[in-house]
Amino acid sequence: MLLLSTSLIHAQAPAPAAAPQPASVPETAPTPAPTPVPTPAPVPAAPAATAPAATVRPNLTGTWSLDLARSNYDQVPPPTSEFLVFAQAGSGFTVGVTSDNDRGKEVYTLPFATDGTETPTPKGTFSDTATLQYLSTKGEWKGAALVLTQKITYEGAPGSLQSTFTLSPDGRTLTRAMHISVDQGEFDTTSVYDKQ
C-alpha cells in the first residue's frame, strides 16, 4: 500500500527540478539482535529393549565320584567313598546316591523337580530304622546353580539339608556346598566330585 500511494503522489504533482527527498523514517530505538536459542545437546537414542539373556543351566546328568582330597567336611565325618548319579526324565530329575560312610553302605534315589515344588521321597526308599531318612526334596535353579532343599530325619529328629551344586566351566567338576541343620547343630560341608 505504501508503494501504491507514493506512485499516485508522483503522478499528480509536476516534477520538481530538484531530486526528490527520500521519505523520512521515524527514528526508533535500534532493535537488539535476537538472542540465540540454545540448541539442546543431542540425546543418544536409547538402546532397543531386549529380553534379558536366559541363564544357561548346566547339564549335571551323569555319574560323579567324590574327590575326598579336595573336599572339606569340617566336623562332619566324611564318607570313605560316594557317587552321585543325576538323571533327567522330561521335567523331572533324580539324584542317585551310593555312599560308604559311618552309617554303613547307603544306596538310594531321590526324585525332584526344579520348579520349586516339594517332591516327597517314595515310600520304601529308607527303612524305618535308618539313621538318616530324606522325607522330601525341593529343587530350583538360582542362576547357574542347582539348589536342593531337603527335609530329613536324623536319629529320629527332624532336620534339613540345603545343597548348592555348581559346575566348573569345563563341565568336569561338580561342587556341592551343603548346609546341615539337625538337633546336634548347624554344619557346613563342601564336596567336590569328578565326572566319570
N, C-alpha and C. Protein backbone atom coordinates (compact mmCIF):
# COMPACT_ATOMS: atom_id res chain seq x y z
N MET A 1 0.83 -1.19 0.00
CA MET A 1 0.00 0.00 0.00
C MET A 1 0.87 1.24 0.00
N LEU A 2 1.95 1.24 0.74
CA LEU A 2 2.82 2.40 0.79
C LEU A 2 3.39 2.69 -0.58
N LEU A 3 3.79 1.70 -1.32
CA LEU A 3 4.33 1.90 -2.66
C LEU A 3 3.27 2.45 -3.60
N LEU A 4 2.08 1.98 -3.51
CA LEU A 4 0.98 2.45 -4.35
C LEU A 4 0.70 3.91 -4.09
N SER A 5 0.63 4.38 -2.86
CA SER A 5 0.36 5.78 -2.51
C SER A 5 1.46 6.67 -3.05
N THR A 6 2.67 6.29 -2.92
CA THR A 6 3.78 7.10 -3.40
C THR A 6 3.70 7.26 -4.91
N SER A 7 3.33 6.27 -5.63
CA SER A 7 3.19 6.35 -7.08
C SER A 7 2.13 7.35 -7.45
N LEU A 8 1.03 7.37 -6.75
CA LEU A 8 -0.05 8.30 -7.05
C LEU A 8 0.39 9.73 -6.81
N ILE A 9 1.12 9.99 -5.76
CA ILE A 9 1.59 11.35 -5.47
C ILE A 9 2.47 11.82 -6.60
N HIS A 10 3.37 11.03 -7.06
CA HIS A 10 4.28 11.42 -8.13
C HIS A 10 3.54 11.63 -9.43
N ALA A 11 2.49 10.91 -9.66
CA ALA A 11 1.74 11.06 -10.90
C ALA A 11 0.99 12.39 -10.93
N GLN A 12 0.51 12.96 -9.83
CA GLN A 12 -0.32 14.17 -9.81
C GLN A 12 0.51 15.43 -9.73
N ALA A 13 1.61 15.45 -9.08
CA ALA A 13 2.39 16.68 -8.89
C ALA A 13 3.35 16.85 -10.05
N PRO A 14 3.60 18.16 -10.48
CA PRO A 14 4.59 18.36 -11.52
C PRO A 14 5.97 18.01 -10.98
N ALA A 15 6.79 17.48 -11.80
CA ALA A 15 8.11 17.04 -11.37
C ALA A 15 8.97 18.23 -11.04
N PRO A 16 9.49 18.36 -9.83
CA PRO A 16 10.37 19.46 -9.48
C PRO A 16 11.73 19.26 -10.11
N ALA A 17 12.47 20.33 -10.20
CA ALA A 17 13.79 20.27 -10.79
C ALA A 17 14.76 19.57 -9.86
N ALA A 18 14.55 19.74 -8.56
CA ALA A 18 15.47 19.13 -7.60
C ALA A 18 15.16 17.65 -7.45
N ALA A 19 16.17 16.94 -7.02
CA ALA A 19 15.98 15.50 -6.81
C ALA A 19 15.03 15.28 -5.64
N PRO A 20 14.22 14.35 -5.75
CA PRO A 20 13.27 14.10 -4.66
C PRO A 20 13.98 13.69 -3.39
N GLN A 21 13.44 14.13 -2.27
CA GLN A 21 13.98 13.79 -0.95
C GLN A 21 13.48 12.40 -0.56
N PRO A 22 14.33 11.64 0.00
CA PRO A 22 13.84 10.32 0.44
C PRO A 22 12.85 10.49 1.57
N ALA A 23 11.90 9.62 1.59
CA ALA A 23 10.87 9.67 2.65
C ALA A 23 11.55 9.48 3.99
N SER A 24 11.12 10.28 4.96
CA SER A 24 11.74 10.17 6.28
C SER A 24 11.11 9.01 7.04
N VAL A 25 11.96 8.35 7.75
CA VAL A 25 11.50 7.22 8.58
C VAL A 25 11.61 7.66 10.01
N PRO A 26 10.54 7.54 10.77
CA PRO A 26 10.63 7.97 12.16
C PRO A 26 11.71 7.18 12.88
N GLU A 27 12.44 7.92 13.76
CA GLU A 27 13.51 7.25 14.49
C GLU A 27 12.93 6.37 15.58
N THR A 28 13.46 5.19 15.68
CA THR A 28 13.06 4.26 16.74
C THR A 28 14.33 3.70 17.34
N ALA A 29 14.17 3.12 18.53
CA ALA A 29 15.32 2.52 19.19
C ALA A 29 15.81 1.35 18.34
N PRO A 30 17.11 1.16 18.30
CA PRO A 30 17.62 0.05 17.49
C PRO A 30 17.09 -1.28 18.03
N THR A 31 16.75 -2.12 17.13
CA THR A 31 16.25 -3.44 17.51
C THR A 31 17.43 -4.31 17.90
N PRO A 32 17.37 -4.84 19.12
CA PRO A 32 18.51 -5.68 19.52
C PRO A 32 18.55 -6.94 18.66
N ALA A 33 19.75 -7.43 18.49
CA ALA A 33 19.90 -8.68 17.74
C ALA A 33 19.20 -9.78 18.51
N PRO A 34 18.55 -10.68 17.81
CA PRO A 34 17.84 -11.75 18.52
C PRO A 34 18.83 -12.59 19.32
N THR A 35 18.39 -12.96 20.52
CA THR A 35 19.21 -13.81 21.38
C THR A 35 19.15 -15.23 20.82
N PRO A 36 20.30 -15.81 20.59
CA PRO A 36 20.25 -17.17 20.04
C PRO A 36 19.65 -18.14 21.07
N VAL A 37 18.79 -18.98 20.57
CA VAL A 37 18.18 -20.00 21.43
C VAL A 37 19.16 -21.16 21.51
N PRO A 38 19.51 -21.55 22.75
CA PRO A 38 20.49 -22.64 22.84
C PRO A 38 19.93 -23.92 22.22
N THR A 39 20.77 -24.56 21.48
CA THR A 39 20.37 -25.83 20.87
C THR A 39 20.66 -26.93 21.87
N PRO A 40 19.64 -27.73 22.18
CA PRO A 40 19.90 -28.81 23.14
C PRO A 40 20.90 -29.80 22.57
N ALA A 41 21.71 -30.32 23.47
CA ALA A 41 22.69 -31.32 23.06
C ALA A 41 21.95 -32.55 22.55
N PRO A 42 22.49 -33.19 21.55
CA PRO A 42 21.80 -34.38 21.05
C PRO A 42 21.75 -35.45 22.13
N VAL A 43 20.60 -36.06 22.23
CA VAL A 43 20.40 -37.13 23.21
C VAL A 43 20.61 -38.45 22.50
N PRO A 44 21.51 -39.29 23.01
CA PRO A 44 21.71 -40.56 22.32
C PRO A 44 20.43 -41.39 22.39
N ALA A 45 20.18 -42.08 21.32
CA ALA A 45 18.99 -42.92 21.27
C ALA A 45 19.13 -44.04 22.28
N ALA A 46 18.04 -44.34 22.95
CA ALA A 46 18.05 -45.43 23.93
C ALA A 46 18.20 -46.74 23.17
N PRO A 47 18.97 -47.68 23.73
CA PRO A 47 19.10 -48.95 23.04
C PRO A 47 17.74 -49.64 22.98
N ALA A 48 17.56 -50.38 21.94
CA ALA A 48 16.29 -51.09 21.79
C ALA A 48 16.14 -52.06 22.95
N ALA A 49 14.93 -52.14 23.47
CA ALA A 49 14.67 -53.05 24.59
C ALA A 49 14.83 -54.48 24.10
N THR A 50 15.59 -55.24 24.88
CA THR A 50 15.77 -56.65 24.54
C THR A 50 15.41 -57.48 25.74
N ALA A 51 15.02 -58.69 25.49
CA ALA A 51 14.70 -59.60 26.58
C ALA A 51 16.00 -59.95 27.30
N PRO A 52 15.96 -60.11 28.64
CA PRO A 52 17.18 -60.48 29.34
C PRO A 52 17.68 -61.83 28.85
N ALA A 53 18.98 -61.94 28.79
CA ALA A 53 19.57 -63.19 28.33
C ALA A 53 19.22 -64.31 29.31
N ALA A 54 18.81 -65.42 28.77
CA ALA A 54 18.45 -66.56 29.62
C ALA A 54 19.72 -67.13 30.23
N THR A 55 19.63 -67.48 31.50
CA THR A 55 20.77 -68.08 32.17
C THR A 55 20.96 -69.50 31.64
N VAL A 56 22.18 -69.81 31.30
CA VAL A 56 22.47 -71.16 30.81
C VAL A 56 22.51 -72.09 32.02
N ARG A 57 21.66 -73.09 31.98
CA ARG A 57 21.62 -74.06 33.08
C ARG A 57 22.51 -75.24 32.71
N PRO A 58 23.46 -75.53 33.57
CA PRO A 58 24.41 -76.59 33.23
C PRO A 58 23.74 -77.96 33.22
N ASN A 59 24.32 -78.85 32.46
CA ASN A 59 23.83 -80.22 32.39
C ASN A 59 24.59 -81.04 33.44
N LEU A 60 23.89 -81.43 34.49
CA LEU A 60 24.53 -82.18 35.57
C LEU A 60 24.38 -83.69 35.39
N THR A 61 23.67 -84.13 34.35
CA THR A 61 23.42 -85.56 34.19
C THR A 61 24.74 -86.32 34.07
N GLY A 62 24.73 -87.52 34.61
CA GLY A 62 25.91 -88.37 34.57
C GLY A 62 26.31 -88.82 35.96
N THR A 63 27.43 -89.50 36.02
CA THR A 63 27.95 -90.06 37.27
C THR A 63 29.11 -89.21 37.77
N TRP A 64 29.09 -88.93 39.06
CA TRP A 64 30.09 -88.06 39.70
C TRP A 64 30.70 -88.80 40.89
N SER A 65 32.03 -88.80 40.96
CA SER A 65 32.76 -89.51 42.02
C SER A 65 33.38 -88.50 42.99
N LEU A 66 33.18 -88.72 44.29
CA LEU A 66 33.70 -87.82 45.31
C LEU A 66 35.23 -87.82 45.32
N ASP A 67 35.81 -86.62 45.33
CA ASP A 67 37.25 -86.44 45.48
C ASP A 67 37.48 -85.94 46.91
N LEU A 68 37.80 -86.88 47.81
CA LEU A 68 37.96 -86.54 49.24
C LEU A 68 39.09 -85.53 49.47
N ALA A 69 40.16 -85.61 48.69
CA ALA A 69 41.31 -84.72 48.90
C ALA A 69 40.94 -83.25 48.68
N ARG A 70 39.97 -82.98 47.82
CA ARG A 70 39.58 -81.59 47.54
C ARG A 70 38.32 -81.18 48.29
N SER A 71 37.77 -82.07 49.11
CA SER A 71 36.54 -81.78 49.84
C SER A 71 36.84 -81.36 51.27
N ASN A 72 35.87 -80.70 51.91
CA ASN A 72 36.04 -80.24 53.28
C ASN A 72 34.77 -80.55 54.07
N TYR A 73 34.91 -81.48 55.03
CA TYR A 73 33.75 -81.89 55.83
C TYR A 73 33.76 -81.29 57.23
N ASP A 74 34.79 -80.56 57.57
CA ASP A 74 34.89 -79.89 58.87
C ASP A 74 34.60 -80.88 59.99
N GLN A 75 33.52 -80.68 60.78
CA GLN A 75 33.23 -81.54 61.94
C GLN A 75 32.39 -82.76 61.58
N VAL A 76 31.94 -82.85 60.33
CA VAL A 76 31.08 -83.96 59.92
C VAL A 76 31.96 -85.11 59.43
N PRO A 77 31.72 -86.34 59.91
CA PRO A 77 32.52 -87.48 59.43
C PRO A 77 32.31 -87.67 57.93
N PRO A 78 33.37 -87.66 57.13
CA PRO A 78 33.21 -87.80 55.68
C PRO A 78 32.95 -89.24 55.28
N PRO A 79 32.32 -89.44 54.13
CA PRO A 79 32.20 -90.81 53.62
C PRO A 79 33.57 -91.28 53.14
N THR A 80 33.75 -92.59 53.09
CA THR A 80 35.01 -93.11 52.54
C THR A 80 34.96 -93.09 51.01
N SER A 81 33.76 -93.21 50.46
CA SER A 81 33.56 -93.05 49.01
C SER A 81 32.10 -92.67 48.77
N GLU A 82 31.87 -91.98 47.65
CA GLU A 82 30.49 -91.58 47.34
C GLU A 82 30.38 -91.30 45.85
N PHE A 83 29.27 -91.76 45.28
CA PHE A 83 28.94 -91.49 43.88
C PHE A 83 27.56 -90.86 43.82
N LEU A 84 27.42 -89.85 42.96
CA LEU A 84 26.12 -89.27 42.67
C LEU A 84 25.82 -89.54 41.20
N VAL A 85 24.56 -89.86 40.91
CA VAL A 85 24.13 -90.04 39.52
C VAL A 85 22.92 -89.16 39.29
N PHE A 86 23.09 -88.10 38.49
CA PHE A 86 21.98 -87.22 38.14
C PHE A 86 21.37 -87.71 36.83
N ALA A 87 20.04 -87.75 36.80
CA ALA A 87 19.32 -88.13 35.58
C ALA A 87 18.12 -87.22 35.41
N GLN A 88 17.70 -87.05 34.15
CA GLN A 88 16.52 -86.23 33.86
C GLN A 88 15.58 -87.03 32.98
N ALA A 89 14.29 -86.99 33.34
CA ALA A 89 13.25 -87.62 32.53
C ALA A 89 12.14 -86.60 32.37
N GLY A 90 12.07 -85.96 31.20
CA GLY A 90 11.09 -84.90 30.99
C GLY A 90 11.43 -83.72 31.87
N SER A 91 10.44 -83.26 32.64
CA SER A 91 10.70 -82.13 33.54
C SER A 91 11.13 -82.61 34.93
N GLY A 92 11.18 -83.93 35.13
CA GLY A 92 11.57 -84.48 36.42
C GLY A 92 13.04 -84.88 36.44
N PHE A 93 13.61 -84.84 37.62
CA PHE A 93 15.01 -85.21 37.81
C PHE A 93 15.10 -86.24 38.93
N THR A 94 16.22 -86.96 38.95
CA THR A 94 16.55 -87.82 40.09
C THR A 94 18.03 -87.66 40.38
N VAL A 95 18.37 -87.88 41.64
CA VAL A 95 19.77 -88.00 42.02
C VAL A 95 19.90 -89.30 42.79
N GLY A 96 20.75 -90.17 42.27
CA GLY A 96 21.03 -91.44 42.94
C GLY A 96 22.30 -91.30 43.76
N VAL A 97 22.30 -91.87 44.94
CA VAL A 97 23.45 -91.76 45.85
C VAL A 97 23.90 -93.15 46.26
N THR A 98 25.20 -93.41 46.13
CA THR A 98 25.82 -94.61 46.67
C THR A 98 26.96 -94.13 47.55
N SER A 99 26.83 -94.37 48.87
CA SER A 99 27.78 -93.80 49.82
C SER A 99 28.21 -94.83 50.85
N ASP A 100 29.52 -94.92 51.07
CA ASP A 100 30.07 -95.72 52.17
C ASP A 100 30.49 -94.73 53.24
N ASN A 101 29.85 -94.83 54.43
CA ASN A 101 30.13 -93.86 55.49
C ASN A 101 30.00 -94.51 56.86
N ASP A 102 30.03 -93.71 57.92
CA ASP A 102 29.99 -94.27 59.27
C ASP A 102 28.66 -94.94 59.59
N ARG A 103 27.65 -94.78 58.73
CA ARG A 103 26.36 -95.47 58.92
C ARG A 103 26.30 -96.76 58.13
N GLY A 104 27.37 -97.07 57.38
CA GLY A 104 27.38 -98.26 56.53
C GLY A 104 27.26 -97.86 55.07
N LYS A 105 26.80 -98.81 54.24
CA LYS A 105 26.63 -98.51 52.82
C LYS A 105 25.19 -98.07 52.60
N GLU A 106 25.03 -96.90 51.98
CA GLU A 106 23.70 -96.36 51.69
C GLU A 106 23.54 -96.24 50.18
N VAL A 107 22.41 -96.72 49.68
CA VAL A 107 22.09 -96.61 48.26
C VAL A 107 20.64 -96.17 48.16
N TYR A 108 20.40 -95.03 47.52
CA TYR A 108 19.02 -94.54 47.37
C TYR A 108 18.94 -93.57 46.20
N THR A 109 17.72 -93.35 45.72
CA THR A 109 17.47 -92.41 44.62
C THR A 109 16.35 -91.47 45.06
N LEU A 110 16.58 -90.17 44.87
CA LEU A 110 15.61 -89.16 45.28
C LEU A 110 15.09 -88.40 44.05
N PRO A 111 13.77 -88.38 43.85
CA PRO A 111 13.21 -87.59 42.74
C PRO A 111 13.06 -86.13 43.16
N PHE A 112 13.12 -85.23 42.18
CA PHE A 112 12.86 -83.81 42.46
C PHE A 112 12.51 -83.10 41.16
N ALA A 113 11.86 -81.95 41.30
CA ALA A 113 11.58 -81.06 40.18
C ALA A 113 12.36 -79.77 40.42
N THR A 114 12.56 -78.98 39.37
CA THR A 114 13.33 -77.75 39.54
C THR A 114 12.45 -76.50 39.49
N ASP A 115 11.16 -76.68 39.71
CA ASP A 115 10.24 -75.52 39.69
C ASP A 115 9.91 -75.02 41.09
N GLY A 116 10.64 -75.51 42.09
CA GLY A 116 10.41 -75.05 43.46
C GLY A 116 9.36 -75.83 44.22
N THR A 117 8.78 -76.85 43.58
CA THR A 117 7.79 -77.66 44.30
C THR A 117 8.50 -78.75 45.10
N GLU A 118 7.86 -79.16 46.17
CA GLU A 118 8.43 -80.18 47.05
C GLU A 118 7.99 -81.55 46.56
N THR A 119 8.96 -82.46 46.37
CA THR A 119 8.67 -83.81 45.90
C THR A 119 8.91 -84.79 47.05
N PRO A 120 7.85 -85.50 47.49
CA PRO A 120 8.04 -86.46 48.58
C PRO A 120 8.93 -87.63 48.14
N THR A 121 9.70 -88.15 49.07
CA THR A 121 10.50 -89.34 48.80
C THR A 121 9.57 -90.54 48.77
N PRO A 122 9.66 -91.39 47.73
CA PRO A 122 8.77 -92.55 47.66
C PRO A 122 8.90 -93.45 48.89
N LYS A 123 7.77 -93.97 49.33
CA LYS A 123 7.77 -94.89 50.48
C LYS A 123 8.63 -96.10 50.15
N GLY A 124 9.34 -96.60 51.15
CA GLY A 124 10.19 -97.76 50.96
C GLY A 124 11.62 -97.42 50.54
N THR A 125 11.90 -96.14 50.28
CA THR A 125 13.27 -95.74 49.90
C THR A 125 14.23 -95.98 51.06
N PHE A 126 13.76 -95.72 52.30
CA PHE A 126 14.57 -95.92 53.51
C PHE A 126 13.83 -96.84 54.45
N SER A 127 14.58 -97.66 55.19
CA SER A 127 13.94 -98.49 56.21
C SER A 127 13.51 -97.60 57.36
N ASP A 128 12.54 -98.05 58.11
CA ASP A 128 12.05 -97.26 59.25
C ASP A 128 13.12 -97.04 60.30
N THR A 129 14.14 -97.89 60.31
CA THR A 129 15.19 -97.77 61.33
C THR A 129 16.44 -97.05 60.82
N ALA A 130 16.41 -96.54 59.60
CA ALA A 130 17.59 -95.86 59.04
C ALA A 130 17.91 -94.61 59.86
N THR A 131 19.19 -94.40 60.14
CA THR A 131 19.62 -93.23 60.92
C THR A 131 19.27 -91.93 60.20
N LEU A 132 19.49 -91.91 58.89
CA LEU A 132 19.20 -90.73 58.07
C LEU A 132 18.12 -91.09 57.06
N GLN A 133 17.06 -90.31 57.03
CA GLN A 133 15.98 -90.51 56.05
C GLN A 133 15.64 -89.17 55.41
N TYR A 134 15.54 -89.19 54.09
CA TYR A 134 15.11 -88.00 53.34
C TYR A 134 13.60 -88.08 53.18
N LEU A 135 12.88 -87.05 53.63
CA LEU A 135 11.42 -87.04 53.54
C LEU A 135 10.94 -86.40 52.25
N SER A 136 11.61 -85.35 51.80
CA SER A 136 11.22 -84.66 50.56
C SER A 136 12.39 -83.85 50.02
N THR A 137 12.29 -83.52 48.73
CA THR A 137 13.33 -82.72 48.07
C THR A 137 12.66 -81.65 47.22
N LYS A 138 13.13 -80.43 47.37
CA LYS A 138 12.65 -79.31 46.55
C LYS A 138 13.84 -78.77 45.77
N GLY A 139 13.71 -78.72 44.45
CA GLY A 139 14.80 -78.24 43.62
C GLY A 139 14.44 -76.93 42.94
N GLU A 140 15.43 -76.08 42.75
CA GLU A 140 15.23 -74.85 41.98
C GLU A 140 16.57 -74.35 41.48
N TRP A 141 16.52 -73.68 40.32
CA TRP A 141 17.71 -73.07 39.76
C TRP A 141 17.85 -71.66 40.30
N LYS A 142 19.03 -71.32 40.74
CA LYS A 142 19.36 -69.94 41.13
C LYS A 142 20.54 -69.55 40.26
N GLY A 143 20.23 -68.90 39.14
CA GLY A 143 21.26 -68.63 38.15
C GLY A 143 21.71 -69.96 37.56
N ALA A 144 23.01 -70.20 37.56
CA ALA A 144 23.55 -71.45 37.02
C ALA A 144 23.73 -72.51 38.11
N ALA A 145 23.26 -72.25 39.33
CA ALA A 145 23.41 -73.20 40.44
C ALA A 145 22.10 -73.94 40.68
N LEU A 146 22.19 -75.24 40.93
CA LEU A 146 21.03 -76.04 41.31
C LEU A 146 21.01 -76.11 42.83
N VAL A 147 19.88 -75.71 43.43
CA VAL A 147 19.75 -75.73 44.88
C VAL A 147 18.70 -76.77 45.25
N LEU A 148 19.11 -77.74 46.08
CA LEU A 148 18.19 -78.76 46.60
C LEU A 148 17.99 -78.52 48.09
N THR A 149 16.73 -78.34 48.48
CA THR A 149 16.39 -78.17 49.89
C THR A 149 15.64 -79.43 50.31
N GLN A 150 16.15 -80.11 51.34
CA GLN A 150 15.60 -81.42 51.72
C GLN A 150 15.20 -81.45 53.18
N LYS A 151 14.01 -82.01 53.41
CA LYS A 151 13.58 -82.28 54.79
C LYS A 151 14.04 -83.69 55.12
N ILE A 152 14.62 -83.83 56.31
CA ILE A 152 15.17 -85.13 56.71
C ILE A 152 14.76 -85.45 58.14
N THR A 153 15.01 -86.69 58.52
CA THR A 153 15.08 -87.04 59.94
C THR A 153 16.47 -87.63 60.15
N TYR A 154 17.10 -87.25 61.26
CA TYR A 154 18.40 -87.80 61.62
C TYR A 154 18.31 -88.27 63.06
N GLU A 155 18.54 -89.55 63.25
CA GLU A 155 18.38 -90.19 64.56
C GLU A 155 16.99 -89.89 65.13
N GLY A 156 15.99 -89.92 64.25
CA GLY A 156 14.60 -89.75 64.67
C GLY A 156 14.12 -88.32 64.82
N ALA A 157 15.01 -87.34 64.75
CA ALA A 157 14.62 -85.93 64.93
C ALA A 157 14.60 -85.23 63.57
N PRO A 158 13.68 -84.26 63.40
CA PRO A 158 13.61 -83.55 62.12
C PRO A 158 14.83 -82.65 61.90
N GLY A 159 15.16 -82.46 60.64
CA GLY A 159 16.26 -81.58 60.27
C GLY A 159 16.11 -81.18 58.81
N SER A 160 17.11 -80.49 58.31
CA SER A 160 17.07 -80.08 56.90
C SER A 160 18.48 -79.99 56.34
N LEU A 161 18.55 -80.15 55.03
CA LEU A 161 19.80 -80.00 54.28
C LEU A 161 19.53 -79.04 53.14
N GLN A 162 20.48 -78.17 52.86
CA GLN A 162 20.39 -77.35 51.66
C GLN A 162 21.71 -77.48 50.91
N SER A 163 21.62 -78.02 49.70
CA SER A 163 22.81 -78.26 48.87
C SER A 163 22.77 -77.37 47.65
N THR A 164 23.87 -76.68 47.38
CA THR A 164 24.00 -75.85 46.18
C THR A 164 25.06 -76.48 45.30
N PHE A 165 24.63 -76.92 44.10
CA PHE A 165 25.52 -77.59 43.16
C PHE A 165 25.95 -76.61 42.07
N THR A 166 27.25 -76.50 41.85
CA THR A 166 27.78 -75.66 40.77
C THR A 166 28.75 -76.48 39.93
N LEU A 167 28.72 -76.22 38.64
CA LEU A 167 29.55 -76.97 37.69
C LEU A 167 30.70 -76.08 37.23
N SER A 168 31.89 -76.67 37.12
CA SER A 168 33.05 -75.93 36.63
C SER A 168 32.85 -75.57 35.16
N PRO A 169 33.55 -74.52 34.67
CA PRO A 169 33.39 -74.12 33.27
C PRO A 169 33.66 -75.24 32.27
N ASP A 170 34.59 -76.16 32.59
CA ASP A 170 34.88 -77.24 31.64
C ASP A 170 33.92 -78.42 31.78
N GLY A 171 32.97 -78.34 32.74
CA GLY A 171 31.97 -79.39 32.89
C GLY A 171 32.48 -80.66 33.53
N ARG A 172 33.69 -80.65 34.09
CA ARG A 172 34.28 -81.88 34.63
C ARG A 172 34.25 -81.96 36.15
N THR A 173 33.95 -80.85 36.84
CA THR A 173 33.97 -80.83 38.30
C THR A 173 32.65 -80.28 38.82
N LEU A 174 32.04 -81.02 39.73
CA LEU A 174 30.78 -80.61 40.36
C LEU A 174 31.08 -80.33 41.84
N THR A 175 30.71 -79.15 42.31
CA THR A 175 30.94 -78.78 43.71
C THR A 175 29.60 -78.66 44.42
N ARG A 176 29.52 -79.29 45.58
CA ARG A 176 28.30 -79.26 46.39
C ARG A 176 28.62 -78.57 47.72
N ALA A 177 28.03 -77.39 47.92
CA ALA A 177 28.15 -76.69 49.21
C ALA A 177 26.87 -77.00 49.97
N MET A 178 27.01 -77.68 51.12
CA MET A 178 25.83 -78.14 51.86
C MET A 178 25.77 -77.52 53.25
N HIS A 179 24.58 -77.05 53.60
CA HIS A 179 24.32 -76.57 54.96
C HIS A 179 23.42 -77.60 55.64
N ILE A 180 23.85 -78.08 56.80
CA ILE A 180 23.13 -79.12 57.54
C ILE A 180 22.56 -78.49 58.80
N SER A 181 21.29 -78.73 59.03
CA SER A 181 20.64 -78.24 60.26
C SER A 181 19.95 -79.42 60.94
N VAL A 182 20.52 -79.87 62.07
CA VAL A 182 19.99 -81.01 62.83
C VAL A 182 20.05 -80.67 64.32
N ASP A 183 19.48 -81.54 65.15
CA ASP A 183 19.49 -81.30 66.60
C ASP A 183 20.90 -81.11 67.16
N GLN A 184 21.86 -81.78 66.54
CA GLN A 184 23.25 -81.70 67.03
C GLN A 184 23.91 -80.36 66.70
N GLY A 185 23.30 -79.56 65.81
CA GLY A 185 23.86 -78.25 65.47
C GLY A 185 23.74 -77.93 63.99
N GLU A 186 24.44 -76.86 63.61
CA GLU A 186 24.47 -76.40 62.21
C GLU A 186 25.88 -76.66 61.68
N PHE A 187 25.95 -77.25 60.49
CA PHE A 187 27.25 -77.61 59.91
C PHE A 187 27.28 -77.25 58.43
N ASP A 188 28.47 -76.97 57.93
CA ASP A 188 28.65 -76.68 56.51
C ASP A 188 29.76 -77.57 55.96
N THR A 189 29.50 -78.16 54.81
CA THR A 189 30.49 -79.01 54.15
C THR A 189 30.62 -78.60 52.69
N THR A 190 31.75 -78.94 52.10
CA THR A 190 31.96 -78.75 50.66
C THR A 190 32.48 -80.06 50.09
N SER A 191 31.73 -80.61 49.15
CA SER A 191 32.12 -81.87 48.50
C SER A 191 32.44 -81.58 47.04
N VAL A 192 33.55 -82.12 46.57
CA VAL A 192 33.97 -81.93 45.18
C VAL A 192 33.92 -83.28 44.48
N TYR A 193 33.25 -83.32 43.32
CA TYR A 193 33.05 -84.56 42.57
C TYR A 193 33.65 -84.41 41.17
N ASP A 194 34.20 -85.51 40.68
CA ASP A 194 34.75 -85.55 39.32
C ASP A 194 33.81 -86.32 38.41
N LYS A 195 33.66 -85.83 37.17
CA LYS A 195 32.80 -86.51 36.19
C LYS A 195 33.43 -87.83 35.81
N GLN A 196 32.62 -88.88 35.76
CA GLN A 196 33.09 -90.22 35.38
C GLN A 196 32.80 -90.49 33.91
